[in-house]
Amino acid sequence: MLQFLRDRLSSFKLSYTVYNFLHQRQLRHNEQLYQRYGLRKRVYESVSSQDFKGLSTGEPARFDAQDSRHAAASYPEFRQFSPEVQASLLPWSERGYVVLRGFFTAEEVATINREIDRLIGQGEANWRYERVKIMFAIHQSEEIRRIVNKPELHAILSFLLGKEVRQPFQSINFQQGSQQKAHSDTIHMTTYPLGYLIAAWIALEDVDANNGPVFYYPGSHRLPYVLNDDYPHGGTHFTIGEAAYQAYEQAIDAVVKQNQLQPEEFHARAGDVLLWHANLLHGGTPIREAGRTRKSMVLHYFAEGVICYHEITQRPALRQE
């Protein structure tokens, strides 16, 4: 009964507005941006892609506007990367993802796993979605935060977007594969202009075909973004549709079939990193070997100088000072 009441309350936009009003300090980053882009809203009010219609589309992310294979080497900062990293960055515009093999050391991976085990053992892990995801471990562990905040990683992400990225907005840790259906991160973590979110997925143990690897559709990031107005989300001026995400998944399934997209799986060694574009369609494959873990961590980054919000729940993004 209590969970039912919580779910009902969370369907009303007013509940988020009140919460945001009480946390305005974490929304200050949007004040000047709203003025810059001409968005006439208070920073604590609900916001969605519909609010940006008629406004300037803004400058696209660097390699959404240019072909990375031809343009990447023209930027001086490209030369700071090793030949291996340079080669991995070139197909970004075409594929929508980058693979960085062995980016984190065995010791760094072991430390992250040890810290996650500590949070679980002490009952401090912030489990969500029926104990599938551990949220925001970077805010609970100084060791994890130190390891993932590698200057080289920030440099790569900033290079791909053409804008600086700050510390991760969010982290999610998995003990098992997510088995999540295909989606674009933009429906959850949205930017205006579009395309200024980027993800870094870290393998914290070896991943093969049987323990639920990530799958993705190469090149799908170049398809039109699927946002609230593009499917029957069931929301109103006052409420969020109760089955909005299920309707979104159905819309994405239709996009995959219509475009005859073919998936690839990311089979990794511990320490490998997969970067993906804000609009790359991806998910988690079924766990084919029961009982196996797939320890991993995904970090989501917003670029500086863009409006950040959550399209499906129509909430501005709260960012820690």
Protein backbone atom coordinates (compact mmCIF):
# COMPACT_ATOMS: atom_id res chain seq x y z
CA MET A 1 0.00 0.00 0.00
CA LEU A 2 2.82 2.39 0.92
CA GLN A 3 4.63 1.69 -2.36
CA PHE A 4 1.38 2.28 -4.27
CA LEU A 5 0.99 5.68 -2.62
CA ARG A 6 4.60 6.57 -3.44
CA ASP A 7 4.09 5.60 -7.07
CA ARG A 8 0.92 7.65 -7.29
CA LEU A 9 2.60 10.67 -5.72
CA SER A 10 5.56 10.42 -8.09
CA SER A 11 3.20 10.60 -11.08
CA PHE A 12 2.26 14.19 -10.22
CA LYS A 13 4.58 16.87 -11.58
CA LEU A 14 3.74 19.10 -8.63
CA SER A 15 5.52 16.70 -6.24
CA TYR A 16 8.75 17.17 -8.21
CA THR A 17 8.25 20.93 -8.36
CA VAL A 18 7.96 21.12 -4.58
CA TYR A 19 11.05 18.94 -4.15
CA ASN A 20 13.00 21.04 -6.64
CA PHE A 21 11.90 24.26 -4.94
CA LEU A 22 13.43 22.96 -1.71
CA HIS A 23 16.67 22.08 -3.55
CA GLN A 24 17.12 25.21 -5.67
CA ARG A 25 20.78 25.39 -4.76
CA GLN A 26 21.38 22.33 -6.91
CA LEU A 27 19.60 23.99 -9.83
CA ARG A 28 21.54 27.25 -9.92
CA HIS A 29 23.56 25.99 -12.86
CA ASN A 30 20.43 26.37 -15.00
CA GLU A 31 19.59 30.00 -14.19
CA GLN A 32 21.95 31.69 -16.64
CA LEU A 33 21.45 28.90 -19.19
CA TYR A 34 17.68 29.46 -19.22
CA GLN A 35 18.34 33.13 -19.95
CA ARG A 36 20.91 32.32 -22.63
CA TYR A 37 18.61 30.01 -24.55
CA GLY A 38 15.45 32.04 -23.94
CA LEU A 39 13.63 29.46 -21.83
CA ARG A 40 11.02 31.32 -19.80
CA LYS A 41 10.66 29.04 -16.82
CA ARG A 42 11.71 28.97 -13.21
CA VAL A 43 14.51 26.47 -12.62
CA TYR A 44 12.42 24.37 -10.24
CA GLU A 45 9.48 23.91 -12.64
CA SER A 46 8.94 20.85 -14.81
CA VAL A 47 10.69 20.96 -18.18
CA SER A 48 10.67 18.81 -21.31
CA SER A 49 11.66 18.94 -24.96
CA GLN A 50 8.30 20.56 -25.71
CA ASP A 51 9.46 23.69 -23.86
CA PHE A 52 12.32 24.18 -26.31
CA LYS A 53 10.23 24.17 -29.46
CA GLY A 54 10.65 27.42 -31.33
CA LEU A 55 13.95 28.21 -29.61
CA SER A 56 17.31 28.11 -31.33
CA THR A 57 18.58 24.55 -31.70
CA GLY A 58 21.99 25.67 -30.45
CA GLU A 59 25.40 24.41 -31.51
CA PRO A 60 25.57 20.63 -32.01
CA ALA A 61 28.19 18.49 -30.33
CA ARG A 62 31.54 18.56 -32.15
CA PHE A 63 31.31 15.28 -34.04
CA ASP A 64 27.59 15.46 -34.61
CA ALA A 65 28.38 18.43 -36.85
CA GLN A 66 31.61 17.02 -38.29
CA ASP A 67 32.86 13.61 -39.31
CA SER A 68 35.36 12.51 -36.67
CA ARG A 69 37.23 10.32 -39.13
CA HIS A 70 38.17 13.38 -41.19
CA ALA A 71 38.09 16.20 -38.63
CA ALA A 72 39.50 14.72 -35.39
CA ALA A 73 43.16 15.11 -36.32
CA SER A 74 42.67 18.81 -37.11
CA TYR A 75 42.22 19.59 -33.41
CA PRO A 76 45.47 20.19 -31.46
CA GLU A 77 44.19 18.29 -28.40
CA PHE A 78 43.92 15.12 -30.51
CA ARG A 79 47.71 14.83 -30.37
CA GLN A 80 47.67 14.37 -26.57
CA PHE A 81 46.21 10.88 -26.96
CA SER A 82 48.17 7.69 -27.61
CA PRO A 83 48.06 6.22 -31.13
CA GLU A 84 45.75 3.47 -29.85
CA VAL A 85 43.27 5.96 -28.39
CA GLN A 86 43.46 8.14 -31.50
CA ALA A 87 42.56 5.17 -33.69
CA SER A 88 39.62 4.29 -31.45
CA LEU A 89 38.23 7.84 -31.61
CA LEU A 90 38.17 8.21 -35.38
CA PRO A 91 34.99 6.14 -36.10
CA TRP A 92 32.93 7.94 -33.37
CA SER A 93 30.71 9.83 -35.83
CA GLU A 94 29.97 6.67 -37.78
CA ARG A 95 29.53 4.18 -34.94
CA GLY A 96 28.48 6.24 -31.92
CA TYR A 97 30.77 4.36 -29.56
CA VAL A 98 34.45 4.00 -28.63
CA VAL A 99 36.25 1.05 -27.03
CA LEU A 100 39.23 1.72 -24.74
CA ARG A 101 40.94 -1.57 -23.98
CA GLY A 102 42.73 -1.95 -20.64
CA PHE A 103 41.99 1.63 -19.64
CA PHE A 104 41.75 0.80 -15.93
CA THR A 105 44.38 -1.37 -14.24
CA ALA A 106 43.71 -4.64 -12.43
CA GLU A 107 44.45 -2.86 -9.14
CA GLU A 108 41.98 -0.08 -9.89
CA VAL A 109 39.29 -2.59 -10.82
CA ALA A 110 39.92 -4.59 -7.64
CA THR A 111 39.66 -1.45 -5.53
CA ILE A 112 36.31 -0.47 -7.07
CA ASN A 113 34.94 -4.00 -6.52
CA ARG A 114 36.22 -4.00 -2.96
CA GLU A 115 34.52 -0.67 -2.25
CA ILE A 116 31.23 -1.88 -3.73
CA ASP A 117 31.43 -5.03 -1.61
CA ARG A 118 32.02 -2.82 1.43
CA LEU A 119 28.96 -0.68 0.70
CA ILE A 120 26.83 -3.80 0.23
CA GLY A 121 28.21 -5.48 3.35
CA GLN A 122 27.60 -2.41 5.50
CA GLY A 123 24.08 -1.99 4.17
CA GLU A 124 24.97 1.36 2.60
CA ALA A 125 24.56 0.46 -1.07
CA ASN A 126 21.86 2.59 -2.68
CA TRP A 127 19.99 -0.22 -4.43
CA ARG A 128 17.31 0.67 -6.98
CA TYR A 129 15.00 -1.21 -9.31
CA GLU A 130 14.61 -4.37 -7.24
CA ARG A 131 18.30 -4.57 -6.36
CA VAL A 132 19.51 -4.42 -9.94
CA LYS A 133 21.37 -1.10 -9.79
CA ILE A 134 23.54 0.53 -7.12
CA MET A 135 23.22 4.27 -7.59
CA PHE A 136 25.75 7.04 -6.91
CA ALA A 137 28.57 5.00 -5.36
CA ILE A 138 30.87 7.85 -6.48
CA HIS A 139 29.23 9.97 -3.79
CA GLN A 140 29.83 7.36 -1.10
CA SER A 141 33.37 6.20 -1.82
CA GLU A 142 36.32 8.55 -2.10
CA GLU A 143 38.40 5.70 -3.54
CA ILE A 144 35.96 5.05 -6.40
CA ARG A 145 35.68 8.76 -7.09
CA ARG A 146 39.47 9.10 -7.22
CA ILE A 147 39.90 6.19 -9.62
CA VAL A 148 37.20 7.10 -12.13
CA ASN A 149 38.10 10.79 -12.26
CA LYS A 150 41.05 10.13 -14.53
CA PRO A 151 42.18 13.29 -16.33
CA GLU A 152 42.70 11.27 -19.52
CA LEU A 153 39.11 10.04 -19.47
CA HIS A 154 37.80 13.59 -18.98
CA ALA A 155 40.02 14.75 -21.83
CA ILE A 156 38.64 12.09 -24.18
CA LEU A 157 35.02 12.85 -23.31
CA SER A 158 35.54 16.60 -23.64
CA PHE A 159 37.25 16.09 -26.99
CA LEU A 160 34.35 14.04 -28.37
CA LEU A 161 31.72 16.57 -27.29
CA GLY A 162 33.72 19.70 -28.02
CA LYS A 163 32.80 21.04 -24.57
CA GLU A 164 34.30 20.44 -21.15
CA VAL A 165 32.78 17.71 -19.00
CA ARG A 166 32.84 17.90 -15.24
CA GLN A 167 32.75 15.06 -12.73
CA PRO A 168 30.17 12.35 -13.48
CA PHE A 169 26.59 13.41 -12.95
CA GLN A 170 25.68 9.86 -12.07
CA SER A 171 27.17 6.43 -11.47
CA ILE A 172 25.45 3.05 -11.60
CA ASN A 173 27.03 -0.22 -10.48
CA PHE A 174 25.79 -3.64 -11.50
CA GLN A 175 26.51 -7.01 -9.93
CA GLN A 176 24.59 -8.86 -12.64
CA GLY A 177 23.69 -7.93 -16.20
CA SER A 178 20.87 -5.41 -16.45
CA GLN A 179 18.95 -7.33 -19.17
CA GLN A 180 17.46 -3.94 -20.01
CA LYS A 181 15.65 -3.41 -23.30
CA ALA A 182 17.05 -1.10 -25.95
CA HIS A 183 16.93 2.58 -25.09
CA SER A 184 18.76 5.86 -25.53
CA ASP A 185 20.16 7.54 -22.44
CA THR A 186 18.65 10.80 -23.64
CA ILE A 187 15.17 9.75 -22.51
CA HIS A 188 16.53 9.65 -18.94
CA MET A 189 19.27 12.31 -18.96
CA THR A 190 18.58 14.97 -21.53
CA THR A 191 20.38 18.09 -22.68
CA TYR A 192 19.51 21.21 -24.59
CA PRO A 193 20.99 21.41 -27.12
CA LEU A 194 20.69 17.67 -27.66
CA GLY A 195 23.74 15.40 -27.70
CA TYR A 196 25.75 16.75 -24.76
CA LEU A 197 25.49 13.66 -22.57
CA ILE A 198 28.08 10.90 -22.82
CA ALA A 199 28.48 7.57 -21.01
CA ALA A 200 31.50 5.53 -19.93
CA TRP A 201 30.85 1.86 -19.10
CA ILE A 202 33.61 0.05 -17.19
CA ALA A 203 34.00 -3.73 -17.10
CA LEU A 204 34.80 -4.76 -13.53
CA GLU A 205 35.23 -8.40 -14.52
CA ASP A 206 35.50 -10.31 -17.78
CA VAL A 207 32.32 -10.25 -19.89
CA ASP A 208 31.40 -12.80 -22.53
CA ALA A 209 28.25 -13.89 -24.36
CA ASN A 210 26.86 -15.76 -21.35
CA ASN A 211 26.88 -13.30 -18.44
CA GLY A 212 24.69 -10.57 -19.89
CA PRO A 213 26.92 -8.27 -21.95
CA VAL A 214 25.88 -4.81 -23.09
CA PHE A 215 24.48 -4.72 -26.61
CA TYR A 216 24.22 -1.70 -28.88
CA TYR A 217 23.17 -0.77 -32.39
CA PRO A 218 26.12 0.83 -34.21
CA GLY A 219 25.18 4.05 -35.96
CA SER A 220 21.77 4.28 -34.27
CA HIS A 221 22.83 7.57 -32.65
CA ARG A 222 22.33 9.24 -36.04
CA LEU A 223 18.60 8.43 -36.06
CA PRO A 224 16.14 11.06 -34.80
CA TYR A 225 15.90 11.29 -31.01
CA VAL A 226 12.76 9.69 -29.57
CA LEU A 227 11.37 12.15 -27.03
CA ASN A 228 8.06 12.51 -25.20
CA ASP A 229 6.11 13.89 -28.13
CA ASP A 230 7.21 11.00 -30.35
CA TYR A 231 5.23 8.25 -28.61
CA PRO A 232 2.02 7.99 -26.52
CA HIS A 233 3.54 8.64 -23.10
CA GLY A 234 0.13 9.11 -21.45
CA GLY A 235 1.08 12.22 -19.50
CA THR A 236 -0.91 15.40 -19.05
CA HIS A 237 -0.12 18.97 -18.04
CA PHE A 238 -0.24 17.81 -14.42
CA THR A 239 0.87 14.19 -14.48
CA ILE A 240 3.50 11.84 -15.89
CA GLY A 241 2.13 8.84 -17.76
CA GLU A 242 2.02 5.79 -15.50
CA ALA A 243 3.18 3.50 -18.33
CA ALA A 244 5.37 6.08 -20.08
CA TYR A 245 8.55 4.01 -20.04
CA GLN A 246 6.86 0.86 -21.33
CA ALA A 247 5.40 2.92 -24.18
CA TYR A 248 8.86 4.34 -24.85
CA GLU A 249 10.39 0.85 -25.05
CA GLN A 250 7.72 -0.15 -27.55
CA ALA A 251 8.51 2.94 -29.64
CA ILE A 252 12.22 2.06 -29.64
CA ASP A 253 11.45 -1.52 -30.62
CA ALA A 254 9.53 -0.13 -33.61
CA VAL A 255 12.52 2.07 -34.56
CA VAL A 256 14.85 -0.94 -34.44
CA LYS A 257 12.57 -3.01 -36.66
CA GLN A 258 11.82 -0.19 -39.09
CA ASN A 259 15.52 0.54 -39.62
CA GLN A 260 16.53 -3.15 -39.56
CA LEU A 261 19.20 -2.42 -36.98
CA GLN A 262 21.62 -5.21 -36.12
CA PRO A 263 23.04 -5.42 -32.58
CA GLU A 264 26.61 -5.94 -31.47
CA GLU A 265 27.68 -7.17 -28.04
CA PHE A 266 30.50 -5.75 -25.98
CA HIS A 267 32.67 -8.64 -24.80
CA ALA A 268 35.28 -7.21 -22.47
CA ARG A 269 38.18 -7.89 -20.16
CA ALA A 270 38.18 -6.31 -16.72
CA GLY A 271 39.34 -2.72 -17.07
CA ASP A 272 38.01 -2.19 -20.59
CA VAL A 273 35.81 0.86 -21.18
CA LEU A 274 32.97 1.43 -23.63
CA LEU A 275 31.99 5.03 -24.37
CA TRP A 276 28.70 5.75 -26.08
CA HIS A 277 26.85 8.67 -27.60
CA ALA A 278 23.80 10.17 -25.87
CA ASN A 279 21.48 8.75 -28.56
CA LEU A 280 23.09 5.34 -29.15
CA LEU A 281 20.46 2.64 -28.69
CA HIS A 282 21.74 0.01 -26.26
CA GLY A 283 20.69 -2.37 -23.50
CA GLY A 284 21.62 -5.60 -21.74
CA THR A 285 21.40 -9.11 -23.21
CA PRO A 286 19.78 -11.99 -21.30
CA ILE A 287 21.96 -13.81 -18.77
CA ARG A 288 22.47 -17.13 -20.52
CA GLU A 289 24.43 -18.79 -17.72
CA ALA A 290 22.44 -18.67 -14.48
CA GLY A 291 24.22 -17.47 -11.38
CA ARG A 292 27.02 -15.61 -13.15
CA THR A 293 27.83 -12.05 -12.20
CA ARG A 294 28.64 -9.20 -14.58
CA LYS A 295 30.24 -6.61 -12.36
CA SER A 296 30.38 -3.26 -14.09
CA MET A 297 30.00 0.46 -13.59
CA VAL A 298 28.57 3.12 -15.88
CA LEU A 299 29.23 6.83 -15.51
CA HIS A 300 27.11 9.53 -17.15
CA TYR A 301 28.53 12.95 -17.87
CA PHE A 302 26.87 16.21 -18.85
CA ALA A 303 28.88 18.80 -20.76
CA GLU A 304 29.28 22.28 -19.38
CA GLY A 305 27.13 25.12 -20.70
CA VAL A 306 24.02 23.14 -21.59
CA ILE A 307 20.63 22.74 -19.91
CA CYS A 308 20.33 19.36 -18.19
CA TYR A 309 17.02 17.67 -17.41
CA HIS A 310 15.19 14.33 -17.45
CA GLU A 311 12.83 14.03 -20.41
CA ILE A 312 10.66 11.15 -19.28
CA THR A 313 9.93 12.58 -15.82
CA GLN A 314 10.20 16.20 -17.01
CA ARG A 315 12.46 17.24 -14.13
CA PRO A 316 15.46 19.58 -14.23
CA ALA A 317 18.66 17.75 -13.28
CA LEU A 318 19.86 18.37 -9.74
CA ARG A 319 23.64 18.69 -9.69
CA GLN A 320 25.80 18.61 -6.61
CA GLU A 321 27.82 21.76 -5.92
